Amino acid sequence: MDWFKVDKHYADSEQGYRVLFVRRGDGWLYMAYGPKYSVTKDMLKAHYKIGEKVPVGREHIGSYHDPDQAKQACDEHWGKVNECDDAAAG
């Protein structure tokens, strides 16, 4: 997967994955996110009950202390998504 830095805080892949990096007191935290969902405004509500799932723009795959681990998690997720698509098609 090829990555390009979009901002000083995140990088995107050509497949739509994102690795966000944030500074913490003990170093950096790298969070891996899946491709952007197509969430329409009709799906959103003004208020949500405690414990009710709120639609988000991306699936959080995991948090890591190393950028390569976060990118590897995105690669593995991409492989699983493609396996599911191939199984459904065939």
PDB file of N, CA and C in Angstrom:
ATOM      1  N   MET A   1       0.849  -1.164   0.000  1.00  0.00           N
ATOM      2  CA  MET A   1       0.000   0.000   0.000  1.00  0.00           C
ATOM      3  C   MET A   1       0.901   1.235   0.000  1.00  0.00           C
ATOM      4  N   ASP A   2       0.651   2.153  -0.918  1.00  0.00           N
ATOM      5  CA  ASP A   2       1.432   3.388  -0.982  1.00  0.00           C
ATOM      6  C   ASP A   2       0.777   4.456  -0.103  1.00  0.00           C
ATOM      7  N   TRP A   3       1.615   5.184   0.636  1.00  0.00           N
ATOM      8  CA  TRP A   3       1.137   6.205   1.576  1.00  0.00           C
ATOM      9  C   TRP A   3       1.665   7.567   1.180  1.00  0.00           C
ATOM     10  N   PHE A   4       0.863   8.600   1.410  1.00  0.00           N
ATOM     11  CA  PHE A   4       1.334   9.969   1.194  1.00  0.00           C
ATOM     12  C   PHE A   4       0.871  10.823   2.365  1.00  0.00           C
ATOM     13  N   LYS A   5       1.755  11.679   2.818  1.00  0.00           N
ATOM     14  CA  LYS A   5       1.464  12.545   3.954  1.00  0.00           C
ATOM     15  C   LYS A   5       0.565  13.690   3.492  1.00  0.00           C
ATOM     16  N   VAL A   6      -0.585  13.827   4.136  1.00  0.00           N
ATOM     17  CA  VAL A   6      -1.556  14.843   3.773  1.00  0.00           C
ATOM     18  C   VAL A   6      -1.371  16.083   4.638  1.00  0.00           C
ATOM     19  N   ASP A   7      -1.052  15.866   5.888  1.00  0.00           N
ATOM     20  CA  ASP A   7      -0.984  16.921   6.892  1.00  0.00           C
ATOM     21  C   ASP A   7       0.117  16.513   7.859  1.00  0.00           C
ATOM     22  N   LYS A   8       0.457  17.398   8.775  1.00  0.00           N
ATOM     23  CA  LYS A   8       1.482  17.023   9.754  1.00  0.00           C
ATOM     24  C   LYS A   8       0.969  15.999  10.757  1.00  0.00           C
ATOM     25  N   HIS A   9      -0.347  15.714  10.737  1.00  0.00           N
ATOM     26  CA  HIS A   9      -0.932  14.786  11.701  1.00  0.00           C
ATOM     27  C   HIS A   9      -1.462  13.495  11.109  1.00  0.00           C
ATOM     28  N   TYR A  10      -1.481  13.351   9.780  1.00  0.00           N
ATOM     29  CA  TYR A  10      -1.974  12.095   9.223  1.00  0.00           C
ATOM     30  C   TYR A  10      -1.458  11.851   7.811  1.00  0.00           C
ATOM     31  N   ALA A  11      -1.529  10.555   7.431  1.00  0.00           N
ATOM     32  CA  ALA A  11      -1.161  10.122   6.090  1.00  0.00           C
ATOM     33  C   ALA A  11      -2.288   9.243   5.554  1.00  0.00           C
ATOM     34  N   ASP A  12      -2.537   9.303   4.248  1.00  0.00           N
ATOM     35  CA  ASP A  12      -3.571   8.500   3.601  1.00  0.00           C
ATOM     36  C   ASP A  12      -2.943   7.552   2.603  1.00  0.00           C
ATOM     37  N   SER A  13      -3.635   6.440   2.361  1.00  0.00           N
ATOM     38  CA  SER A  13      -3.214   5.509   1.315  1.00  0.00           C
ATOM     39  C   SER A  13      -4.086   5.723   0.086  1.00  0.00           C
ATOM     40  N   GLU A  14      -3.649   5.165  -1.039  1.00  0.00           N
ATOM     41  CA  GLU A  14      -4.436   5.282  -2.265  1.00  0.00           C
ATOM     42  C   GLU A  14      -5.766   4.546  -2.145  1.00  0.00           C
ATOM     43  N   GLN A  15      -5.851   3.566  -1.240  1.00  0.00           N
ATOM     44  CA  GLN A  15      -7.071   2.787  -1.042  1.00  0.00           C
ATOM     45  C   GLN A  15      -8.046   3.472  -0.083  1.00  0.00           C
ATOM     46  N   GLY A  16      -7.671   4.626   0.463  1.00  0.00           N
ATOM     47  CA  GLY A  16      -8.558   5.371   1.337  1.00  0.00           C
ATOM     48  C   GLY A  16      -8.317   5.172   2.822  1.00  0.00           C
ATOM     49  N   TYR A  17      -7.323   4.388   3.183  1.00  0.00           N
ATOM     50  CA  TYR A  17      -7.006   4.189   4.596  1.00  0.00           C
ATOM     51  C   TYR A  17      -6.272   5.407   5.137  1.00  0.00           C
ATOM     52  N   ARG A  18      -6.312   5.577   6.445  1.00  0.00           N
ATOM     53  CA  ARG A  18      -5.667   6.727   7.077  1.00  0.00           C
ATOM     54  C   ARG A  18      -4.942   6.299   8.342  1.00  0.00           C
ATOM     55  N   VAL A  19      -3.723   6.829   8.537  1.00  0.00           N
ATOM     56  CA  VAL A  19      -2.992   6.684   9.800  1.00  0.00           C
ATOM     57  C   VAL A  19      -2.840   8.079  10.375  1.00  0.00           C
ATOM     58  N   LEU A  20      -3.419   8.249  11.540  1.00  0.00           N
ATOM     59  CA  LEU A  20      -3.400   9.524  12.253  1.00  0.00           C
ATOM     60  C   LEU A  20      -2.365   9.422  13.357  1.00  0.00           C
ATOM     61  N   PHE A  21      -1.515  10.434  13.516  1.00  0.00           N
ATOM     62  CA  PHE A  21      -0.520  10.381  14.577  1.00  0.00           C
ATOM     63  C   PHE A  21      -0.683  11.567  15.508  1.00  0.00           C
ATOM     64  N   VAL A  22      -0.665  11.267  16.794  1.00  0.00           N
ATOM     65  CA  VAL A  22      -0.838  12.299  17.818  1.00  0.00           C
ATOM     66  C   VAL A  22       0.291  12.193  18.830  1.00  0.00           C
ATOM     67  N   ARG A  23       0.712  13.325  19.319  1.00  0.00           N
ATOM     68  CA  ARG A  23       1.785  13.408  20.319  1.00  0.00           C
ATOM     69  C   ARG A  23       1.186  13.196  21.691  1.00  0.00           C
ATOM     70  N   ARG A  24       1.785  12.279  22.443  1.00  0.00           N
ATOM     71  CA  ARG A  24       1.392  12.050  23.830  1.00  0.00           C
ATOM     72  C   ARG A  24       2.597  12.311  24.708  1.00  0.00           C
ATOM     73  N   GLY A  25       2.375  12.375  26.005  1.00  0.00           N
ATOM     74  CA  GLY A  25       3.466  12.658  26.926  1.00  0.00           C
ATOM     75  C   GLY A  25       4.619  11.686  26.813  1.00  0.00           C
ATOM     76  N   ASP A  26       4.309  10.415  26.520  1.00  0.00           N
ATOM     77  CA  ASP A  26       5.361   9.398  26.443  1.00  0.00           C
ATOM     78  C   ASP A  26       5.804   9.097  25.017  1.00  0.00           C
ATOM     79  N   GLY A  27       5.405   9.902  24.062  1.00  0.00           N
ATOM     80  CA  GLY A  27       5.804   9.685  22.663  1.00  0.00           C
ATOM     81  C   GLY A  27       4.633   9.887  21.719  1.00  0.00           C
ATOM     82  N   TRP A  28       4.612   9.101  20.641  1.00  0.00           N
ATOM     83  CA  TRP A  28       3.589   9.219  19.617  1.00  0.00           C
ATOM     84  C   TRP A  28       2.643   8.032  19.661  1.00  0.00           C
ATOM     85  N   LEU A  29       1.398   8.271  19.272  1.00  0.00           N
ATOM     86  CA  LEU A  29       0.410   7.222  19.127  1.00  0.00           C
ATOM     87  C   LEU A  29      -0.078   7.266  17.685  1.00  0.00           C
ATOM     88  N   TYR A  30      -0.105   6.102  17.040  1.00  0.00           N
ATOM     89  CA  TYR A  30      -0.501   5.992  15.636  1.00  0.00           C
ATOM     90  C   TYR A  30      -1.808   5.211  15.559  1.00  0.00           C
ATOM     91  N   MET A  31      -2.849   5.843  15.025  1.00  0.00           N
ATOM     92  CA  MET A  31      -4.166   5.218  14.953  1.00  0.00           C
ATOM     93  C   MET A  31      -4.519   4.924  13.502  1.00  0.00           C
ATOM     94  N   ALA A  32      -4.881   3.669  13.244  1.00  0.00           N
ATOM     95  CA  ALA A  32      -5.214   3.210  11.903  1.00  0.00           C
ATOM     96  C   ALA A  32      -6.728   3.266  11.706  1.00  0.00           C
ATOM     97  N   TYR A  33      -7.149   3.807  10.561  1.00  0.00           N
ATOM     98  CA  TYR A  33      -8.566   3.910  10.226  1.00  0.00           C
ATOM     99  C   TYR A  33      -8.812   3.347   8.838  1.00  0.00           C
ATOM    100  N   GLY A  34      -9.980   2.740   8.658  1.00  0.00           N
ATOM    101  CA  GLY A  34     -10.376   2.192   7.367  1.00  0.00           C
ATOM    102  C   GLY A  34     -10.821   3.284   6.414  1.00  0.00           C
ATOM    103  N   PRO A  35     -11.228   2.868   5.208  1.00  0.00           N
ATOM    104  CA  PRO A  35     -11.702   3.846   4.217  1.00  0.00           C
ATOM    105  C   PRO A  35     -12.921   4.607   4.717  1.00  0.00           C
ATOM    106  N   LYS A  36     -13.118   5.765   4.144  1.00  0.00           N
ATOM    107  CA  LYS A  36     -14.217   6.648   4.549  1.00  0.00           C
ATOM    108  C   LYS A  36     -15.567   6.014   4.207  1.00  0.00           C
ATOM    109  N   TYR A  37     -16.487   6.048   5.178  1.00  0.00           N
ATOM    110  CA  TYR A  37     -17.846   5.585   4.950  1.00  0.00           C
ATOM    111  C   TYR A  37     -18.613   6.671   4.216  1.00  0.00           C
ATOM    112  N   SER A  38     -19.669   6.262   3.522  1.00  0.00           N
ATOM    113  CA  SER A  38     -20.561   7.259   2.939  1.00  0.00           C
ATOM    114  C   SER A  38     -21.739   7.416   3.899  1.00  0.00           C
ATOM    115  N   VAL A  39     -21.576   8.310   4.852  1.00  0.00           N
ATOM    116  CA  VAL A  39     -22.615   8.569   5.845  1.00  0.00           C
ATOM    117  C   VAL A  39     -23.410   9.777   5.379  1.00  0.00           C
ATOM    118  N   THR A  40     -24.714   9.579   5.198  1.00  0.00           N
ATOM    119  CA  THR A  40     -25.539  10.698   4.763  1.00  0.00           C
ATOM    120  C   THR A  40     -26.111  11.413   5.973  1.00  0.00           C
ATOM    121  N   LYS A  41     -26.498  12.649   5.791  1.00  0.00           N
ATOM    122  CA  LYS A  41     -27.065  13.443   6.877  1.00  0.00           C
ATOM    123  C   LYS A  41     -28.349  12.827   7.411  1.00  0.00           C
ATOM    124  N   ASP A  42     -29.065  12.118   6.562  1.00  0.00           N
ATOM    125  CA  ASP A  42     -30.326  11.496   6.977  1.00  0.00           C
ATOM    126  C   ASP A  42     -30.108  10.451   8.067  1.00  0.00           C
ATOM    127  N   MET A  43     -28.921   9.867   8.105  1.00  0.00           N
ATOM    128  CA  MET A  43     -28.628   8.838   9.098  1.00  0.00           C
ATOM    129  C   MET A  43     -28.292   9.437  10.464  1.00  0.00           C
ATOM    130  N   LEU A  44     -27.954  10.706  10.501  1.00  0.00           N
ATOM    131  CA  LEU A  44     -27.521  11.347  11.736  1.00  0.00           C
ATOM    132  C   LEU A  44     -28.707  11.917  12.498  1.00  0.00           C
ATOM    133  N   LYS A  45     -28.628  11.851  13.802  1.00  0.00           N
ATOM    134  CA  LYS A  45     -29.673  12.417  14.660  1.00  0.00           C
ATOM    135  C   LYS A  45     -29.058  13.536  15.500  1.00  0.00           C
ATOM    136  N   ALA A  46     -29.915  14.370  16.067  1.00  0.00           N
ATOM    137  CA  ALA A  46     -29.429  15.470  16.900  1.00  0.00           C
ATOM    138  C   ALA A  46     -28.906  14.964  18.244  1.00  0.00           C
ATOM    139  N   HIS A  47     -29.543  13.940  18.799  1.00  0.00           N
ATOM    140  CA  HIS A  47     -29.156  13.423  20.113  1.00  0.00           C
ATOM    141  C   HIS A  47     -29.126  11.900  20.079  1.00  0.00           C
ATOM    142  N   TYR A  48     -28.207  11.316  20.818  1.00  0.00           N
ATOM    143  CA  TYR A  48     -28.103   9.867  20.919  1.00  0.00           C
ATOM    144  C   TYR A  48     -28.214   9.455  22.379  1.00  0.00           C
ATOM    145  N   LYS A  49     -28.890   8.334  22.632  1.00  0.00           N
ATOM    146  CA  LYS A  49     -29.008   7.813  23.990  1.00  0.00           C
ATOM    147  C   LYS A  49     -27.661   7.269  24.438  1.00  0.00           C
ATOM    148  N   ILE A  50     -27.426   7.222  25.750  1.00  0.00           N
ATOM    149  CA  ILE A  50     -26.188   6.652  26.282  1.00  0.00           C
ATOM    150  C   ILE A  50     -26.104   5.203  25.829  1.00  0.00           C
ATOM    151  N   GLY A  51     -24.976   4.843  25.266  1.00  0.00           N
ATOM    152  CA  GLY A  51     -24.761   3.490  24.787  1.00  0.00           C
ATOM    153  C   GLY A  51     -25.219   3.239  23.363  1.00  0.00           C
ATOM    154  N   GLU A  52     -25.932   4.180  22.775  1.00  0.00           N
ATOM    155  CA  GLU A  52     -26.398   4.031  21.393  1.00  0.00           C
ATOM    156  C   GLU A  52     -25.238   4.292  20.441  1.00  0.00           C
ATOM    157  N   LYS A  53     -25.125   3.442  19.434  1.00  0.00           N
ATOM    158  CA  LYS A  53     -24.034   3.582  18.467  1.00  0.00           C
ATOM    159  C   LYS A  53     -24.239   4.827  17.600  1.00  0.00           C
ATOM    160  N   VAL A  54     -23.185   5.620  17.487  1.00  0.00           N
ATOM    161  CA  VAL A  54     -23.217   6.845  16.691  1.00  0.00           C
ATOM    162  C   VAL A  54     -22.444   6.582  15.399  1.00  0.00           C
ATOM    163  N   PRO A  55     -23.039   6.884  14.232  1.00  0.00           N
ATOM    164  CA  PRO A  55     -22.311   6.673  12.983  1.00  0.00           C
ATOM    165  C   PRO A  55     -21.052   7.543  12.927  1.00  0.00           C
ATOM    166  N   VAL A  56     -19.982   6.963  12.457  1.00  0.00           N
ATOM    167  CA  VAL A  56     -18.715   7.690  12.337  1.00  0.00           C
ATOM    168  C   VAL A  56     -18.238   7.636  10.893  1.00  0.00           C
ATOM    169  N   GLY A  57     -17.323   8.504  10.562  1.00  0.00           N
ATOM    170  CA  GLY A  57     -16.821   8.581   9.195  1.00  0.00           C
ATOM    171  C   GLY A  57     -15.895   7.463   8.784  1.00  0.00           C
ATOM    172  N   ARG A  58     -15.210   6.851   9.750  1.00  0.00           N
ATOM    173  CA  ARG A  58     -14.251   5.789   9.439  1.00  0.00           C
ATOM    174  C   ARG A  58     -14.242   4.742  10.534  1.00  0.00           C
ATOM    175  N   GLU A  59     -13.903   3.518  10.165  1.00  0.00           N
ATOM    176  CA  GLU A  59     -13.763   2.443  11.146  1.00  0.00           C
ATOM    177  C   GLU A  59     -12.382   2.535  11.797  1.00  0.00           C
ATOM    178  N   HIS A  60     -12.339   2.533  13.121  1.00  0.00           N
ATOM    179  CA  HIS A  60     -11.066   2.530  13.838  1.00  0.00           C
ATOM    180  C   HIS A  60     -10.552   1.100  13.869  1.00  0.00           C
ATOM    181  N   ILE A  61      -9.407   0.862  13.231  1.00  0.00           N
ATOM    182  CA  ILE A  61      -8.838  -0.482  13.159  1.00  0.00           C
ATOM    183  C   ILE A  61      -8.017  -0.781  14.407  1.00  0.00           C
ATOM    184  N   GLY A  62      -7.255   0.200  14.878  1.00  0.00           N
ATOM    185  CA  GLY A  62      -6.444  -0.015  16.076  1.00  0.00           C
ATOM    186  C   GLY A  62      -5.508   1.142  16.341  1.00  0.00           C
ATOM    187  N   SER A  63      -4.886   1.108  17.530  1.00  0.00           N
ATOM    188  CA  SER A  63      -3.905   2.124  17.934  1.00  0.00           C
ATOM    189  C   SER A  63      -2.575   1.438  18.200  1.00  0.00           C
ATOM    190  N   TYR A  64      -1.488   2.067  17.783  1.00  0.00           N
ATOM    191  CA  TYR A  64      -0.167   1.438  17.824  1.00  0.00           C
ATOM    192  C   TYR A  64       0.889   2.453  18.252  1.00  0.00           C
ATOM    193  N   HIS A  65       2.024   1.943  18.696  1.00  0.00           N
ATOM    194  CA  HIS A  65       3.136   2.802  19.104  1.00  0.00           C
ATOM    195  C   HIS A  65       4.178   2.946  18.000  1.00  0.00           C
ATOM    196  N   ASP A  66       3.923   2.317  16.861  1.00  0.00           N
ATOM    197  CA  ASP A  66       4.865   2.352  15.747  1.00  0.00           C
ATOM    198  C   ASP A  66       4.075   2.589  14.454  1.00  0.00           C
ATOM    199  N   PRO A  67       4.518   3.500  13.604  1.00  0.00           N
ATOM    200  CA  PRO A  67       3.762   3.786  12.376  1.00  0.00           C
ATOM    201  C   PRO A  67       3.686   2.593  11.433  1.00  0.00           C
ATOM    202  N   ASP A  68       4.740   1.784  11.392  1.00  0.00           N
ATOM    203  CA  ASP A  68       4.727   0.616  10.515  1.00  0.00           C
ATOM    204  C   ASP A  68       3.683  -0.410  10.955  1.00  0.00           C
ATOM    205  N   GLN A  69       3.464  -0.536  12.265  1.00  0.00           N
ATOM    206  CA  GLN A  69       2.430  -1.441  12.767  1.00  0.00           C
ATOM    207  C   GLN A  69       1.046  -0.953  12.330  1.00  0.00           C
ATOM    208  N   ALA A  70       0.815   0.347  12.394  1.00  0.00           N
ATOM    209  CA  ALA A  70      -0.468   0.910  11.982  1.00  0.00           C
ATOM    210  C   ALA A  70      -0.692   0.683  10.488  1.00  0.00           C
ATOM    211  N   LYS A  71       0.332   0.893   9.687  1.00  0.00           N
ATOM    212  CA  LYS A  71       0.207   0.682   8.242  1.00  0.00           C
ATOM    213  C   LYS A  71       0.002  -0.792   7.927  1.00  0.00           C
ATOM    214  N   GLN A  72       0.672  -1.677   8.671  1.00  0.00           N
ATOM    215  CA  GLN A  72       0.503  -3.117   8.483  1.00  0.00           C
ATOM    216  C   GLN A  72      -0.933  -3.538   8.803  1.00  0.00           C
ATOM    217  N   ALA A  73      -1.514  -2.953   9.848  1.00  0.00           N
ATOM    218  CA  ALA A  73      -2.901  -3.248  10.209  1.00  0.00           C
ATOM    219  C   ALA A  73      -3.843  -2.851   9.066  1.00  0.00           C
ATOM    220  N   CYS A  74      -3.570  -1.732   8.425  1.00  0.00           N
ATOM    221  CA  CYS A  74      -4.372  -1.301   7.272  1.00  0.00           C
ATOM    222  C   CYS A  74      -4.222  -2.286   6.120  1.00  0.00           C
ATOM    223  N   ASP A  75      -2.997  -2.738   5.862  1.00  0.00           N
ATOM    224  CA  ASP A  75      -2.755  -3.729   4.810  1.00  0.00           C
ATOM    225  C   ASP A  75      -3.542  -5.008   5.071  1.00  0.00           C
ATOM    226  N   GLU A  76      -3.506  -5.488   6.317  1.00  0.00           N
ATOM    227  CA  GLU A  76      -4.220  -6.716   6.674  1.00  0.00           C
ATOM    228  C   GLU A  76      -5.732  -6.529   6.535  1.00  0.00           C
ATOM    229  N   HIS A  77      -6.232  -5.368   6.955  1.00  0.00           N
ATOM    230  CA  HIS A  77      -7.661  -5.077   6.826  1.00  0.00           C
ATOM    231  C   HIS A  77      -8.065  -5.070   5.358  1.00  0.00           C
ATOM    232  N   TRP A  78      -7.259  -4.454   4.526  1.00  0.00           N
ATOM    233  CA  TRP A  78      -7.515  -4.390   3.083  1.00  0.00           C
ATOM    234  C   TRP A  78      -7.582  -5.801   2.505  1.00  0.00           C
ATOM    235  N   GLY A  79      -6.672  -6.672   2.930  1.00  0.00           N
ATOM    236  CA  GLY A  79      -6.674  -8.063   2.452  1.00  0.00           C
ATOM    237  C   GLY A  79      -7.942  -8.796   2.856  1.00  0.00           C
ATOM    238  N   LYS A  80      -8.389  -8.601   4.094  1.00  0.00           N
ATOM    239  CA  LYS A  80      -9.613  -9.263   4.569  1.00  0.00           C
ATOM    240  C   LYS A  80     -10.837  -8.760   3.824  1.00  0.00           C
ATOM    241  N   VAL A  81     -10.895  -7.460   3.569  1.00  0.00           N
ATOM    242  CA  VAL A  81     -12.030  -6.885   2.836  1.00  0.00           C
ATOM    243  C   VAL A  81     -12.085  -7.469   1.430  1.00  0.00           C
ATOM    244  N   ASN A  82     -10.932  -7.599   0.783  1.00  0.00           N
ATOM    245  CA  ASN A  82     -10.895  -8.148  -0.571  1.00  0.00           C
ATOM    246  C   ASN A  82     -11.251  -9.635  -0.590  1.00  0.00           C
ATOM    247  N   GLU A  83     -10.846 -10.391   0.445  1.00  0.00           N
ATOM    248  CA  GLU A  83     -11.224 -11.798   0.536  1.00  0.00           C
ATOM    249  C   GLU A  83     -12.735 -11.935   0.630  1.00  0.00           C
ATOM    250  N   CYS A  84     -13.367 -11.093   1.447  1.00  0.00           N
ATOM    251  CA  CYS A  84     -14.828 -11.132   1.614  1.00  0.00           C
ATOM    252  C   CYS A  84     -15.523 -10.788   0.312  1.00  0.00           C
ATOM    253  N   ASP A  85     -15.019  -9.789  -0.408  1.00  0.00           N
ATOM    254  CA  ASP A  85     -15.608  -9.399  -1.697  1.00  0.00           C
ATOM    255  C   ASP A  85     -15.478 -10.516  -2.708  1.00  0.00           C
ATOM    256  N   ASP A  86     -14.307 -11.190  -2.750  1.00  0.00           N
ATOM    257  CA  ASP A  86     -14.089 -12.301  -3.690  1.00  0.00           C
ATOM    258  C   ASP A  86     -14.999 -13.472  -3.359  1.00  0.00           C
ATOM    259  N   ALA A  87     -15.186 -13.771  -2.085  1.00  0.00           N
ATOM    260  CA  ALA A  87     -16.045 -14.895  -1.678  1.00  0.00           C
ATOM    261  C   ALA A  87     -17.495 -14.618  -2.034  1.00  0.00           C
ATOM    262  N   ALA A  88     -17.931 -13.364  -1.866  1.00  0.00           N
ATOM    263  CA  ALA A  88     -19.316 -12.993  -2.175  1.00  0.00           C
ATOM    264  C   ALA A  88     -19.563 -13.046  -3.691  1.00  0.00           C
ATOM    265  N   ALA A  89     -18.546 -12.703  -4.466  1.00  0.00           N
ATOM    266  CA  ALA A  89     -18.699 -12.666  -5.914  1.00  0.00           C
ATOM    267  C   ALA A  89     -18.630 -14.074  -6.532  1.00  0.00           C
ATOM    268  N   GLY A  90     -17.895 -14.985  -5.892  1.00  0.00           N
ATOM    269  CA  GLY A  90     -17.672 -16.292  -6.510  1.00  0.00           C
ATOM    270  C   GLY A  90     -18.387 -17.335  -5.825  1.00  0.00           C
TER     271      GLY A  90
END
